[in-house]
N, C-alpha and C. Protein backbone atom coordinates (compact mmCIF):
# COMPACT_ATOMS: atom_id res chain seq x y z
N MET A 1 -7.44 5.89 4.44
CA MET A 1 -6.06 6.31 4.50
C MET A 1 -6.03 7.83 4.48
N SER A 2 -5.20 8.40 5.28
CA SER A 2 -5.09 9.85 5.34
C SER A 2 -3.67 10.29 5.04
N LEU A 3 -3.57 11.29 4.20
CA LEU A 3 -2.29 11.90 3.88
C LEU A 3 -2.34 13.37 4.24
N ARG A 4 -1.22 13.87 4.71
CA ARG A 4 -1.08 15.30 4.96
C ARG A 4 -0.08 15.82 3.93
N ALA A 5 -0.44 16.87 3.22
CA ALA A 5 0.44 17.45 2.21
C ALA A 5 0.88 18.82 2.67
N ARG A 6 2.17 19.07 2.58
CA ARG A 6 2.73 20.39 2.90
C ARG A 6 3.49 20.88 1.69
N THR A 7 3.38 22.16 1.42
CA THR A 7 4.11 22.76 0.31
C THR A 7 5.14 23.72 0.87
N TYR A 8 6.38 23.50 0.49
CA TYR A 8 7.48 24.33 0.96
C TYR A 8 7.94 25.27 -0.15
N SER A 9 9.01 25.97 0.10
CA SER A 9 9.53 26.91 -0.90
C SER A 9 9.79 26.20 -2.22
N ARG A 10 9.71 26.96 -3.29
CA ARG A 10 9.87 26.44 -4.65
C ARG A 10 8.82 25.39 -4.99
N SER A 11 7.67 25.45 -4.34
CA SER A 11 6.53 24.56 -4.60
C SER A 11 6.85 23.09 -4.38
N ARG A 12 7.80 22.81 -3.52
CA ARG A 12 8.13 21.42 -3.20
C ARG A 12 7.09 20.87 -2.24
N ARG A 13 6.50 19.72 -2.60
CA ARG A 13 5.45 19.13 -1.77
C ARG A 13 6.00 17.94 -0.99
N PHE A 14 5.53 17.78 0.23
CA PHE A 14 5.94 16.69 1.11
C PHE A 14 4.67 16.04 1.63
N PHE A 15 4.53 14.73 1.44
CA PHE A 15 3.35 14.00 1.88
C PHE A 15 3.67 13.12 3.07
N THR A 16 2.78 13.09 4.06
CA THR A 16 2.96 12.28 5.26
C THR A 16 1.74 11.41 5.46
N LEU A 17 1.94 10.12 5.63
CA LEU A 17 0.87 9.18 5.93
C LEU A 17 0.50 9.37 7.39
N THR A 18 -0.75 9.75 7.68
CA THR A 18 -1.16 10.02 9.05
C THR A 18 -1.84 8.83 9.72
N HIS A 19 -2.46 7.95 8.93
CA HIS A 19 -3.13 6.76 9.44
C HIS A 19 -2.72 5.55 8.60
N CYS A 20 -2.66 4.39 9.22
CA CYS A 20 -2.33 3.16 8.51
C CYS A 20 -3.51 2.78 7.60
N PRO A 21 -3.27 2.54 6.31
CA PRO A 21 -4.37 2.18 5.41
C PRO A 21 -4.90 0.77 5.66
N LEU A 22 -4.17 -0.04 6.42
CA LEU A 22 -4.58 -1.42 6.66
C LEU A 22 -5.37 -1.60 7.95
N CYS A 23 -5.05 -0.83 8.98
CA CYS A 23 -5.73 -1.03 10.26
C CYS A 23 -6.29 0.26 10.86
N GLY A 24 -5.98 1.41 10.26
CA GLY A 24 -6.51 2.67 10.76
C GLY A 24 -5.74 3.29 11.90
N TYR A 25 -4.63 2.67 12.29
CA TYR A 25 -3.82 3.18 13.39
C TYR A 25 -3.33 4.59 13.08
N GLU A 26 -3.42 5.49 14.06
CA GLU A 26 -2.96 6.86 13.87
C GLU A 26 -1.49 6.97 14.29
N PHE A 27 -0.65 7.41 13.36
CA PHE A 27 0.78 7.51 13.61
C PHE A 27 1.11 8.76 14.42
N ASP A 28 2.14 8.62 15.29
CA ASP A 28 2.73 9.79 15.93
C ASP A 28 3.56 10.52 14.88
N SER A 29 3.88 11.77 15.11
CA SER A 29 4.60 12.56 14.11
C SER A 29 5.98 12.00 13.78
N ASP A 30 6.66 11.37 14.75
CA ASP A 30 8.01 10.87 14.51
C ASP A 30 8.07 9.35 14.38
N GLU A 31 6.94 8.70 14.24
CA GLU A 31 6.89 7.23 14.17
C GLU A 31 7.20 6.74 12.76
N SER A 32 7.91 5.62 12.67
CA SER A 32 8.29 5.05 11.38
C SER A 32 7.10 4.35 10.72
N ARG A 33 6.69 4.85 9.58
CA ARG A 33 5.59 4.24 8.84
C ARG A 33 5.99 2.89 8.25
N PRO A 34 7.17 2.77 7.59
CA PRO A 34 7.56 1.48 7.01
C PRO A 34 7.65 0.36 8.05
N ASP A 35 8.12 0.67 9.25
CA ASP A 35 8.22 -0.36 10.29
C ASP A 35 6.84 -0.87 10.68
N HIS A 36 5.88 0.03 10.80
CA HIS A 36 4.51 -0.38 11.15
C HIS A 36 3.90 -1.21 10.03
N LEU A 37 4.02 -0.75 8.79
CA LEU A 37 3.43 -1.47 7.66
C LEU A 37 4.05 -2.85 7.49
N ALA A 38 5.34 -2.99 7.79
CA ALA A 38 6.02 -4.28 7.67
C ALA A 38 5.50 -5.30 8.68
N ASP A 39 4.89 -4.85 9.77
CA ASP A 39 4.34 -5.77 10.77
C ASP A 39 3.03 -6.42 10.32
N HIS A 40 2.42 -5.91 9.26
CA HIS A 40 1.17 -6.47 8.76
C HIS A 40 1.43 -7.69 7.89
N ASN A 41 0.43 -8.55 7.77
CA ASN A 41 0.48 -9.71 6.89
C ASN A 41 -0.18 -9.35 5.56
N PRO A 42 0.10 -10.09 4.49
CA PRO A 42 -0.54 -9.81 3.21
C PRO A 42 -2.07 -9.85 3.29
N GLU A 43 -2.60 -10.72 4.14
CA GLU A 43 -4.06 -10.83 4.28
C GLU A 43 -4.69 -9.54 4.77
N ASP A 44 -3.93 -8.73 5.52
CA ASP A 44 -4.45 -7.46 6.02
C ASP A 44 -4.79 -6.52 4.87
N ALA A 45 -4.15 -6.72 3.71
CA ALA A 45 -4.37 -5.87 2.54
C ALA A 45 -5.26 -6.58 1.51
N GLY A 46 -5.86 -7.70 1.89
CA GLY A 46 -6.73 -8.43 0.98
C GLY A 46 -5.99 -9.31 -0.01
N LEU A 47 -4.73 -9.62 0.28
CA LEU A 47 -3.92 -10.48 -0.60
C LEU A 47 -3.87 -11.90 -0.06
N ASN A 48 -3.39 -12.83 -0.88
CA ASN A 48 -3.22 -14.21 -0.44
C ASN A 48 -2.12 -14.29 0.61
N PRO A 49 -2.21 -15.27 1.52
CA PRO A 49 -1.12 -15.47 2.48
C PRO A 49 0.17 -15.81 1.73
N LEU A 50 1.30 -15.56 2.38
CA LEU A 50 2.59 -15.89 1.77
C LEU A 50 2.65 -17.37 1.41
N GLY A 51 3.10 -17.67 0.21
CA GLY A 51 3.24 -19.05 -0.23
C GLY A 51 2.02 -19.63 -0.92
N LYS A 52 0.86 -18.96 -0.84
CA LYS A 52 -0.35 -19.47 -1.49
C LYS A 52 -0.51 -18.76 -2.84
N ILE A 53 -0.61 -19.55 -3.91
CA ILE A 53 -0.73 -19.00 -5.25
C ILE A 53 -2.06 -19.45 -5.84
N ASP A 54 -2.82 -18.50 -6.39
CA ASP A 54 -4.08 -18.84 -7.04
C ASP A 54 -3.85 -19.72 -8.25
N GLU A 55 -4.82 -20.61 -8.54
CA GLU A 55 -4.69 -21.50 -9.68
C GLU A 55 -4.63 -20.73 -11.00
N ASP A 56 -5.30 -19.60 -11.07
CA ASP A 56 -5.34 -18.83 -12.32
C ASP A 56 -4.31 -17.70 -12.34
N HIS A 57 -3.23 -17.87 -11.60
CA HIS A 57 -2.23 -16.80 -11.50
C HIS A 57 -1.58 -16.44 -12.83
N ASP A 58 -1.58 -17.38 -13.78
CA ASP A 58 -0.95 -17.09 -15.07
C ASP A 58 -1.96 -16.84 -16.19
N ALA A 59 -3.22 -16.65 -15.83
CA ALA A 59 -4.26 -16.35 -16.82
C ALA A 59 -4.11 -14.91 -17.31
N PRO A 60 -4.57 -14.62 -18.53
CA PRO A 60 -4.49 -13.25 -19.03
C PRO A 60 -5.27 -12.30 -18.13
N LEU A 61 -4.77 -11.10 -18.00
CA LEU A 61 -5.46 -10.12 -17.16
C LEU A 61 -6.72 -9.59 -17.84
N PHE A 62 -6.71 -9.56 -19.17
CA PHE A 62 -7.84 -9.02 -19.91
C PHE A 62 -8.38 -10.11 -20.84
N ALA A 63 -9.66 -10.09 -21.12
CA ALA A 63 -10.31 -11.13 -21.91
C ALA A 63 -9.79 -11.19 -23.35
N GLY A 64 -9.23 -10.13 -23.87
CA GLY A 64 -8.78 -10.09 -25.25
C GLY A 64 -7.61 -11.00 -25.55
N GLY A 65 -6.88 -11.42 -24.56
CA GLY A 65 -5.74 -12.29 -24.80
C GLY A 65 -4.53 -11.53 -25.34
N ARG A 66 -3.61 -12.24 -25.94
CA ARG A 66 -2.36 -11.68 -26.42
C ARG A 66 -2.54 -11.00 -27.78
N VAL A 67 -1.90 -9.85 -27.92
CA VAL A 67 -1.89 -9.13 -29.18
C VAL A 67 -0.45 -9.05 -29.65
N ASP A 68 -0.18 -9.53 -30.86
CA ASP A 68 1.20 -9.51 -31.38
C ASP A 68 1.40 -8.37 -32.35
């Protein structure tokens, strides 16, 4: 994934996504990034397909379990 950072007056920074992190597509300067990203499927990002839920989806994230 590539980002371009520009700093304007008063140290205001502006970041632009130059390549798609999912497929490597290089964006044109005036092309909509959200529209392109919305065309991808969850599997493109290494996620489960829509509607498929892992059996352990409600397991604790850490081995320590719940702390009260």
